[in-house]
Amino acid sequence: MSDDAKLKEAKEHVGKLKHFYQHLISYAVVNVVLIIINLVTSPTQLWFYWVTIFWGIGIAVQAFKTFGPGAKLNKNWEDKKVKEYMDKN
């Protein structure tokens, strides 16, 4: 595989990781807000969990696509991340 192809593949993977983490943060923030709204407005009738469940399924699918079988998180990736962390500290 050429260096240009490797660079393109690496950028695509990093883009997927970035998008996944942004989506995960949005999921957490929005769901906390929904829980608060639900508990303040109608604490006897809980509805927030429907959003949490179905959006969570979407997050799980995205996580599987990003980190699941075939993802670029192999031994070389682990070694690279360990080296990056050690270089920072």
PDB file of N, CA and C in Angstrom:
ATOM      1  N   MET A   1       0.856  -1.175   0.000  1.00  0.00           N
ATOM      2  CA  MET A   1       0.000   0.000   0.000  1.00  0.00           C
ATOM      3  C   MET A   1       0.903   1.240   0.000  1.00  0.00           C
ATOM      4  N   SER A   2       0.600   2.187  -0.848  1.00  0.00           N
ATOM      5  CA  SER A   2       1.426   3.390  -0.948  1.00  0.00           C
ATOM      6  C   SER A   2       1.203   4.305   0.257  1.00  0.00           C
ATOM      7  N   ASP A   3       2.144   5.224   0.438  1.00  0.00           N
ATOM      8  CA  ASP A   3       2.030   6.164   1.550  1.00  0.00           C
ATOM      9  C   ASP A   3       0.802   7.043   1.417  1.00  0.00           C
ATOM     10  N   ASP A   4       0.461   7.438   0.189  1.00  0.00           N
ATOM     11  CA  ASP A   4      -0.734   8.265  -0.031  1.00  0.00           C
ATOM     12  C   ASP A   4      -2.001   7.506   0.348  1.00  0.00           C
ATOM     13  N   ALA A   5      -2.054   6.231   0.003  1.00  0.00           N
ATOM     14  CA  ALA A   5      -3.221   5.418   0.341  1.00  0.00           C
ATOM     15  C   ALA A   5      -3.320   5.222   1.849  1.00  0.00           C
ATOM     16  N   LYS A   6      -2.173   5.009   2.485  1.00  0.00           N
ATOM     17  CA  LYS A   6      -2.166   4.845   3.942  1.00  0.00           C
ATOM     18  C   LYS A   6      -2.625   6.127   4.625  1.00  0.00           C
ATOM     19  N   LEU A   7      -2.135   7.263   4.129  1.00  0.00           N
ATOM     20  CA  LEU A   7      -2.526   8.545   4.702  1.00  0.00           C
ATOM     21  C   LEU A   7      -4.020   8.779   4.546  1.00  0.00           C
ATOM     22  N   LYS A   8      -4.540   8.479   3.378  1.00  0.00           N
ATOM     23  CA  LYS A   8      -5.979   8.643   3.129  1.00  0.00           C
ATOM     24  C   LYS A   8      -6.790   7.753   4.069  1.00  0.00           C
ATOM     25  N   GLU A   9      -6.366   6.508   4.209  1.00  0.00           N
ATOM     26  CA  GLU A   9      -7.062   5.561   5.089  1.00  0.00           C
ATOM     27  C   GLU A   9      -7.002   6.023   6.543  1.00  0.00           C
ATOM     28  N   ALA A  10      -5.842   6.499   6.961  1.00  0.00           N
ATOM     29  CA  ALA A  10      -5.682   6.974   8.342  1.00  0.00           C
ATOM     30  C   ALA A  10      -6.579   8.184   8.596  1.00  0.00           C
ATOM     31  N   LYS A  11      -6.633   9.101   7.654  1.00  0.00           N
ATOM     32  CA  LYS A  11      -7.485  10.283   7.820  1.00  0.00           C
ATOM     33  C   LYS A  11      -8.959   9.899   7.882  1.00  0.00           C
ATOM     34  N   GLU A  12      -9.366   8.939   7.065  1.00  0.00           N
ATOM     35  CA  GLU A  12     -10.757   8.475   7.102  1.00  0.00           C
ATOM     36  C   GLU A  12     -11.079   7.870   8.460  1.00  0.00           C
ATOM     37  N   HIS A  13     -10.159   7.071   8.983  1.00  0.00           N
ATOM     38  CA  HIS A  13     -10.404   6.422  10.273  1.00  0.00           C
ATOM     39  C   HIS A  13     -10.460   7.449  11.405  1.00  0.00           C
ATOM     40  N   VAL A  14      -9.547   8.394  11.384  1.00  0.00           N
ATOM     41  CA  VAL A  14      -9.551   9.436  12.411  1.00  0.00           C
ATOM     42  C   VAL A  14     -10.838  10.250  12.313  1.00  0.00           C
ATOM     43  N   GLY A  15     -11.312  10.497  11.101  1.00  0.00           N
ATOM     44  CA  GLY A  15     -12.585  11.196  10.919  1.00  0.00           C
ATOM     45  C   GLY A  15     -13.744  10.421  11.527  1.00  0.00           C
ATOM     46  N   LYS A  16     -13.741   9.101  11.343  1.00  0.00           N
ATOM     47  CA  LYS A  16     -14.785   8.258  11.943  1.00  0.00           C
ATOM     48  C   LYS A  16     -14.728   8.318  13.469  1.00  0.00           C
ATOM     49  N   LEU A  17     -13.510   8.258  14.004  1.00  0.00           N
ATOM     50  CA  LEU A  17     -13.350   8.341  15.459  1.00  0.00           C
ATOM     51  C   LEU A  17     -13.856   9.673  15.989  1.00  0.00           C
ATOM     52  N   LYS A  18     -13.485  10.748  15.318  1.00  0.00           N
ATOM     53  CA  LYS A  18     -13.908  12.082  15.740  1.00  0.00           C
ATOM     54  C   LYS A  18     -15.421  12.200  15.704  1.00  0.00           C
ATOM     55  N   HIS A  19     -16.025  11.739  14.624  1.00  0.00           N
ATOM     56  CA  HIS A  19     -17.484  11.807  14.495  1.00  0.00           C
ATOM     57  C   HIS A  19     -18.166  10.982  15.575  1.00  0.00           C
ATOM     58  N   PHE A  20     -17.629   9.796  15.865  1.00  0.00           N
ATOM     59  CA  PHE A  20     -18.213   8.953  16.906  1.00  0.00           C
ATOM     60  C   PHE A  20     -18.171   9.653  18.265  1.00  0.00           C
ATOM     61  N   TYR A  21     -17.016  10.218  18.626  1.00  0.00           N
ATOM     62  CA  TYR A  21     -16.895  10.882  19.926  1.00  0.00           C
ATOM     63  C   TYR A  21     -17.787  12.112  20.015  1.00  0.00           C
ATOM     64  N   GLN A  22     -17.921  12.860  18.918  1.00  0.00           N
ATOM     65  CA  GLN A  22     -18.830  14.008  18.914  1.00  0.00           C
ATOM     66  C   GLN A  22     -20.272  13.541  19.121  1.00  0.00           C
ATOM     67  N   HIS A  23     -20.639  12.468  18.454  1.00  0.00           N
ATOM     68  CA  HIS A  23     -21.982  11.909  18.577  1.00  0.00           C
ATOM     69  C   HIS A  23     -22.229  11.415  20.002  1.00  0.00           C
ATOM     70  N   LEU A  24     -21.245  10.777  20.597  1.00  0.00           N
ATOM     71  CA  LEU A  24     -21.369  10.259  21.958  1.00  0.00           C
ATOM     72  C   LEU A  24     -21.543  11.395  22.970  1.00  0.00           C
ATOM     73  N   ILE A  25     -20.787  12.463  22.800  1.00  0.00           N
ATOM     74  CA  ILE A  25     -20.917  13.617  23.695  1.00  0.00           C
ATOM     75  C   ILE A  25     -22.295  14.249  23.550  1.00  0.00           C
ATOM     76  N   SER A  26     -22.768  14.410  22.323  1.00  0.00           N
ATOM     77  CA  SER A  26     -24.111  14.960  22.093  1.00  0.00           C
ATOM     78  C   SER A  26     -25.169  14.091  22.757  1.00  0.00           C
ATOM     79  N   TYR A  27     -25.025  12.785  22.614  1.00  0.00           N
ATOM     80  CA  TYR A  27     -25.952  11.828  23.212  1.00  0.00           C
ATOM     81  C   TYR A  27     -26.019  12.029  24.731  1.00  0.00           C
ATOM     82  N   ALA A  28     -24.861  12.122  25.362  1.00  0.00           N
ATOM     83  CA  ALA A  28     -24.825  12.270  26.823  1.00  0.00           C
ATOM     84  C   ALA A  28     -25.445  13.591  27.267  1.00  0.00           C
ATOM     85  N   VAL A  29     -25.071  14.673  26.625  1.00  0.00           N
ATOM     86  CA  VAL A  29     -25.573  15.992  27.028  1.00  0.00           C
ATOM     87  C   VAL A  29     -27.076  16.095  26.814  1.00  0.00           C
ATOM     88  N   VAL A  30     -27.538  15.717  25.638  1.00  0.00           N
ATOM     89  CA  VAL A  30     -28.974  15.825  25.341  1.00  0.00           C
ATOM     90  C   VAL A  30     -29.785  14.940  26.272  1.00  0.00           C
ATOM     91  N   ASN A  31     -29.302  13.747  26.554  1.00  0.00           N
ATOM     92  CA  ASN A  31     -30.066  12.858  27.430  1.00  0.00           C
ATOM     93  C   ASN A  31     -30.116  13.348  28.869  1.00  0.00           C
ATOM     94  N   VAL A  32     -29.053  13.966  29.345  1.00  0.00           N
ATOM     95  CA  VAL A  32     -29.091  14.556  30.698  1.00  0.00           C
ATOM     96  C   VAL A  32     -30.140  15.662  30.737  1.00  0.00           C
ATOM     97  N   VAL A  33     -30.161  16.509  29.715  1.00  0.00           N
ATOM     98  CA  VAL A  33     -31.155  17.586  29.645  1.00  0.00           C
ATOM     99  C   VAL A  33     -32.565  17.007  29.586  1.00  0.00           C
ATOM    100  N   LEU A  34     -32.770  15.977  28.782  1.00  0.00           N
ATOM    101  CA  LEU A  34     -34.097  15.359  28.684  1.00  0.00           C
ATOM    102  C   LEU A  34     -34.539  14.742  30.008  1.00  0.00           C
ATOM    103  N   ILE A  35     -33.625  14.126  30.711  1.00  0.00           N
ATOM    104  CA  ILE A  35     -33.959  13.550  32.021  1.00  0.00           C
ATOM    105  C   ILE A  35     -34.398  14.649  32.980  1.00  0.00           C
ATOM    106  N   ILE A  36     -33.656  15.741  32.990  1.00  0.00           N
ATOM    107  CA  ILE A  36     -34.017  16.857  33.879  1.00  0.00           C
ATOM    108  C   ILE A  36     -35.385  17.422  33.502  1.00  0.00           C
ATOM    109  N   ILE A  37     -35.603  17.656  32.222  1.00  0.00           N
ATOM    110  CA  ILE A  37     -36.901  18.181  31.772  1.00  0.00           C
ATOM    111  C   ILE A  37     -38.028  17.235  32.159  1.00  0.00           C
ATOM    112  N   ASN A  38     -37.828  15.953  31.922  1.00  0.00           N
ATOM    113  CA  ASN A  38     -38.858  14.965  32.245  1.00  0.00           C
ATOM    114  C   ASN A  38     -39.159  14.935  33.739  1.00  0.00           C
ATOM    115  N   LEU A  39     -38.127  14.930  34.554  1.00  0.00           N
ATOM    116  CA  LEU A  39     -38.342  14.842  35.996  1.00  0.00           C
ATOM    117  C   LEU A  39     -38.943  16.119  36.574  1.00  0.00           C
ATOM    118  N   VAL A  40     -38.677  17.258  35.960  1.00  0.00           N
ATOM    119  CA  VAL A  40     -39.236  18.519  36.437  1.00  0.00           C
ATOM    120  C   VAL A  40     -40.687  18.681  35.981  1.00  0.00           C
ATOM    121  N   THR A  41     -40.976  18.351  34.739  1.00  0.00           N
ATOM    122  CA  THR A  41     -42.314  18.600  34.189  1.00  0.00           C
ATOM    123  C   THR A  41     -43.324  17.499  34.497  1.00  0.00           C
ATOM    124  N   SER A  42     -42.899  16.259  34.462  1.00  0.00           N
ATOM    125  CA  SER A  42     -43.843  15.158  34.716  1.00  0.00           C
ATOM    126  C   SER A  42     -43.112  13.972  35.336  1.00  0.00           C
ATOM    127  N   PRO A  43     -42.773  14.098  36.620  1.00  0.00           N
ATOM    128  CA  PRO A  43     -41.986  13.035  37.269  1.00  0.00           C
ATOM    129  C   PRO A  43     -42.722  11.704  37.413  1.00  0.00           C
ATOM    130  N   THR A  44     -44.037  11.731  37.321  1.00  0.00           N
ATOM    131  CA  THR A  44     -44.779  10.475  37.453  1.00  0.00           C
ATOM    132  C   THR A  44     -44.894   9.728  36.137  1.00  0.00           C
ATOM    133  N   GLN A  45     -44.607  10.402  35.046  1.00  0.00           N
ATOM    134  CA  GLN A  45     -44.713   9.772  33.731  1.00  0.00           C
ATOM    135  C   GLN A  45     -43.371   9.920  33.010  1.00  0.00           C
ATOM    136  N   LEU A  46     -42.575   8.865  33.065  1.00  0.00           N
ATOM    137  CA  LEU A  46     -41.242   8.926  32.481  1.00  0.00           C
ATOM    138  C   LEU A  46     -41.287   8.581  30.992  1.00  0.00           C
ATOM    139  N   TRP A  47     -40.678   9.445  30.183  1.00  0.00           N
ATOM    140  CA  TRP A  47     -40.637   9.225  28.738  1.00  0.00           C
ATOM    141  C   TRP A  47     -39.233   9.355  28.173  1.00  0.00           C
ATOM    142  N   PHE A  48     -38.316   9.917  28.952  1.00  0.00           N
ATOM    143  CA  PHE A  48     -36.969  10.193  28.436  1.00  0.00           C
ATOM    144  C   PHE A  48     -36.255   8.933  27.960  1.00  0.00           C
ATOM    145  N   TYR A  49     -36.549   7.800  28.577  1.00  0.00           N
ATOM    146  CA  TYR A  49     -35.814   6.581  28.263  1.00  0.00           C
ATOM    147  C   TYR A  49     -36.056   6.084  26.841  1.00  0.00           C
ATOM    148  N   TRP A  50     -37.183   6.496  26.224  1.00  0.00           N
ATOM    149  CA  TRP A  50     -37.419   6.085  24.832  1.00  0.00           C
ATOM    150  C   TRP A  50     -36.368   6.703  23.913  1.00  0.00           C
ATOM    151  N   VAL A  51     -36.095   7.967  24.114  1.00  0.00           N
ATOM    152  CA  VAL A  51     -35.055   8.636  23.325  1.00  0.00           C
ATOM    153  C   VAL A  51     -33.705   7.995  23.625  1.00  0.00           C
ATOM    154  N   THR A  52     -33.442   7.764  24.903  1.00  0.00           N
ATOM    155  CA  THR A  52     -32.167   7.188  25.321  1.00  0.00           C
ATOM    156  C   THR A  52     -31.954   5.809  24.691  1.00  0.00           C
ATOM    157  N   ILE A  53     -32.982   4.992  24.687  1.00  0.00           N
ATOM    158  CA  ILE A  53     -32.868   3.636  24.134  1.00  0.00           C
ATOM    159  C   ILE A  53     -32.620   3.667  22.629  1.00  0.00           C
ATOM    160  N   PHE A  54     -33.480   4.367  21.894  1.00  0.00           N
ATOM    161  CA  PHE A  54     -33.363   4.312  20.439  1.00  0.00           C
ATOM    162  C   PHE A  54     -32.130   5.055  19.924  1.00  0.00           C
ATOM    163  N   TRP A  55     -31.795   6.174  20.526  1.00  0.00           N
ATOM    164  CA  TRP A  55     -30.567   6.865  20.138  1.00  0.00           C
ATOM    165  C   TRP A  55     -29.360   6.020  20.550  1.00  0.00           C
ATOM    166  N   GLY A  56     -29.471   5.349  21.686  1.00  0.00           N
ATOM    167  CA  GLY A  56     -28.403   4.465  22.145  1.00  0.00           C
ATOM    168  C   GLY A  56     -28.147   3.321  21.184  1.00  0.00           C
ATOM    169  N   ILE A  57     -29.197   2.811  20.568  1.00  0.00           N
ATOM    170  CA  ILE A  57     -29.027   1.772  19.547  1.00  0.00           C
ATOM    171  C   ILE A  57     -28.215   2.330  18.383  1.00  0.00           C
ATOM    172  N   GLY A  58     -28.523   3.561  17.982  1.00  0.00           N
ATOM    173  CA  GLY A  58     -27.761   4.199  16.914  1.00  0.00           C
ATOM    174  C   GLY A  58     -26.298   4.379  17.285  1.00  0.00           C
ATOM    175  N   ILE A  59     -26.055   4.779  18.527  1.00  0.00           N
ATOM    176  CA  ILE A  59     -24.683   4.932  19.019  1.00  0.00           C
ATOM    177  C   ILE A  59     -23.962   3.579  19.003  1.00  0.00           C
ATOM    178  N   ALA A  60     -24.659   2.537  19.426  1.00  0.00           N
ATOM    179  CA  ALA A  60     -24.053   1.199  19.455  1.00  0.00           C
ATOM    180  C   ALA A  60     -23.674   0.734  18.050  1.00  0.00           C
ATOM    181  N   VAL A  61     -24.547   0.986  17.082  1.00  0.00           N
ATOM    182  CA  VAL A  61     -24.251   0.615  15.695  1.00  0.00           C
ATOM    183  C   VAL A  61     -23.031   1.387  15.198  1.00  0.00           C
ATOM    184  N   GLN A  62     -23.001   2.677  15.482  1.00  0.00           N
ATOM    185  CA  GLN A  62     -21.865   3.488  15.063  1.00  0.00           C
ATOM    186  C   GLN A  62     -20.578   3.022  15.751  1.00  0.00           C
ATOM    187  N   ALA A  63     -20.660   2.667  17.023  1.00  0.00           N
ATOM    188  CA  ALA A  63     -19.490   2.164  17.748  1.00  0.00           C
ATOM    189  C   ALA A  63     -18.992   0.864  17.124  1.00  0.00           C
ATOM    190  N   PHE A  64     -19.911  -0.012  16.744  1.00  0.00           N
ATOM    191  CA  PHE A  64     -19.522  -1.277  16.120  1.00  0.00           C
ATOM    192  C   PHE A  64     -18.828  -1.021  14.788  1.00  0.00           C
ATOM    193  N   LYS A  65     -19.355  -0.070  14.019  1.00  0.00           N
ATOM    194  CA  LYS A  65     -18.725   0.256  12.737  1.00  0.00           C
ATOM    195  C   LYS A  65     -17.352   0.877  12.934  1.00  0.00           C
ATOM    196  N   THR A  66     -17.206   1.643  14.013  1.00  0.00           N
ATOM    197  CA  THR A  66     -15.943   2.332  14.264  1.00  0.00           C
ATOM    198  C   THR A  66     -14.918   1.429  14.936  1.00  0.00           C
ATOM    199  N   PHE A  67     -15.344   0.625  15.913  1.00  0.00           N
ATOM    200  CA  PHE A  67     -14.416  -0.162  16.712  1.00  0.00           C
ATOM    201  C   PHE A  67     -14.537  -1.671  16.515  1.00  0.00           C
ATOM    202  N   GLY A  68     -15.546  -2.118  15.807  1.00  0.00           N
ATOM    203  CA  GLY A  68     -15.821  -3.543  15.682  1.00  0.00           C
ATOM    204  C   GLY A  68     -14.855  -4.271  14.773  1.00  0.00           C
ATOM    205  N   PRO A  69     -15.196  -5.504  14.415  1.00  0.00           N
ATOM    206  CA  PRO A  69     -14.336  -6.298  13.539  1.00  0.00           C
ATOM    207  C   PRO A  69     -14.038  -5.545  12.235  1.00  0.00           C
ATOM    208  N   GLY A  70     -12.800  -5.586  11.849  1.00  0.00           N
ATOM    209  CA  GLY A  70     -12.398  -4.905  10.634  1.00  0.00           C
ATOM    210  C   GLY A  70     -11.975  -3.469  10.854  1.00  0.00           C
ATOM    211  N   ALA A  71     -12.200  -2.943  12.054  1.00  0.00           N
ATOM    212  CA  ALA A  71     -11.773  -1.573  12.350  1.00  0.00           C
ATOM    213  C   ALA A  71     -10.248  -1.543  12.443  1.00  0.00           C
ATOM    214  N   LYS A  72      -9.705  -0.384  12.271  1.00  0.00           N
ATOM    215  CA  LYS A  72      -8.250  -0.244  12.249  1.00  0.00           C
ATOM    216  C   LYS A  72      -7.667  -0.101  13.649  1.00  0.00           C
ATOM    217  N   LEU A  73      -8.149  -0.892  14.577  1.00  0.00           N
ATOM    218  CA  LEU A  73      -7.651  -0.844  15.949  1.00  0.00           C
ATOM    219  C   LEU A  73      -6.908  -2.137  16.265  1.00  0.00           C
ATOM    220  N   ASN A  74      -5.852  -2.382  15.524  1.00  0.00           N
ATOM    221  CA  ASN A  74      -5.089  -3.603  15.705  1.00  0.00           C
ATOM    222  C   ASN A  74      -3.891  -3.360  16.628  1.00  0.00           C
ATOM    223  N   LYS A  75      -2.971  -4.304  16.673  1.00  0.00           N
ATOM    224  CA  LYS A  75      -1.812  -4.214  17.564  1.00  0.00           C
ATOM    225  C   LYS A  75      -0.949  -3.005  17.222  1.00  0.00           C
ATOM    226  N   ASN A  76      -0.772  -2.727  15.933  1.00  0.00           N
ATOM    227  CA  ASN A  76       0.032  -1.562  15.538  1.00  0.00           C
ATOM    228  C   ASN A  76      -0.599  -0.275  16.063  1.00  0.00           C
ATOM    229  N   TRP A  77      -1.919  -0.196  15.997  1.00  0.00           N
ATOM    230  CA  TRP A  77      -2.623   0.983  16.496  1.00  0.00           C
ATOM    231  C   TRP A  77      -2.393   1.141  17.991  1.00  0.00           C
ATOM    232  N   GLU A  78      -2.511   0.023  18.717  1.00  0.00           N
ATOM    233  CA  GLU A  78      -2.305   0.064  20.161  1.00  0.00           C
ATOM    234  C   GLU A  78      -0.895   0.536  20.492  1.00  0.00           C
ATOM    235  N   ASP A  79       0.095  -0.012  19.797  1.00  0.00           N
ATOM    236  CA  ASP A  79       1.484   0.379  20.041  1.00  0.00           C
ATOM    237  C   ASP A  79       1.685   1.862  19.761  1.00  0.00           C
ATOM    238  N   LYS A  80       1.099   2.351  18.698  1.00  0.00           N
ATOM    239  CA  LYS A  80       1.229   3.761  18.330  1.00  0.00           C
ATOM    240  C   LYS A  80       0.605   4.650  19.409  1.00  0.00           C
ATOM    241  N   LYS A  81      -0.578   4.276  19.900  1.00  0.00           N
ATOM    242  CA  LYS A  81      -1.246   5.069  20.931  1.00  0.00           C
ATOM    243  C   LYS A  81      -0.461   5.060  22.241  1.00  0.00           C
ATOM    244  N   VAL A  82       0.122   3.933  22.588  1.00  0.00           N
ATOM    245  CA  VAL A  82       0.943   3.851  23.797  1.00  0.00           C
ATOM    246  C   VAL A  82       2.142   4.777  23.654  1.00  0.00           C
ATOM    247  N   LYS A  83       2.785   4.741  22.494  1.00  0.00           N
ATOM    248  CA  LYS A  83       3.943   5.611  22.251  1.00  0.00           C
ATOM    249  C   LYS A  83       3.542   7.089  22.302  1.00  0.00           C
ATOM    250  N   GLU A  84       2.406   7.429  21.695  1.00  0.00           N
ATOM    251  CA  GLU A  84       1.926   8.819  21.738  1.00  0.00           C
ATOM    252  C   GLU A  84       1.695   9.270  23.174  1.00  0.00           C
ATOM    253  N   TYR A  85       1.078   8.412  23.970  1.00  0.00           N
ATOM    254  CA  TYR A  85       0.799   8.767  25.362  1.00  0.00           C
ATOM    255  C   TYR A  85       2.095   8.941  26.146  1.00  0.00           C
ATOM    256  N   MET A  86       3.037   8.046  25.925  1.00  0.00           N
ATOM    257  CA  MET A  86       4.294   8.137  26.641  1.00  0.00           C
ATOM    258  C   MET A  86       5.079   9.380  26.242  1.00  0.00           C
ATOM    259  N   ASP A  87       4.995   9.776  24.981  1.00  0.00           N
ATOM    260  CA  ASP A  87       5.685  10.963  24.509  1.00  0.00           C
ATOM    261  C   ASP A  87       5.098  12.233  25.113  1.00  0.00           C
ATOM    262  N   LYS A  88       3.794  12.230  25.378  1.00  0.00           N
ATOM    263  CA  LYS A  88       3.131  13.393  25.973  1.00  0.00           C
ATOM    264  C   LYS A  88       3.511  13.571  27.431  1.00  0.00           C
ATOM    265  N   ASN A  89       3.715  12.469  28.140  1.00  0.00           N
ATOM    266  CA  ASN A  89       3.963  12.530  29.591  1.00  0.00           C
ATOM    267  C   ASN A  89       5.414  12.324  29.932  1.00  0.00           C
TER     268      ASN A  89
END
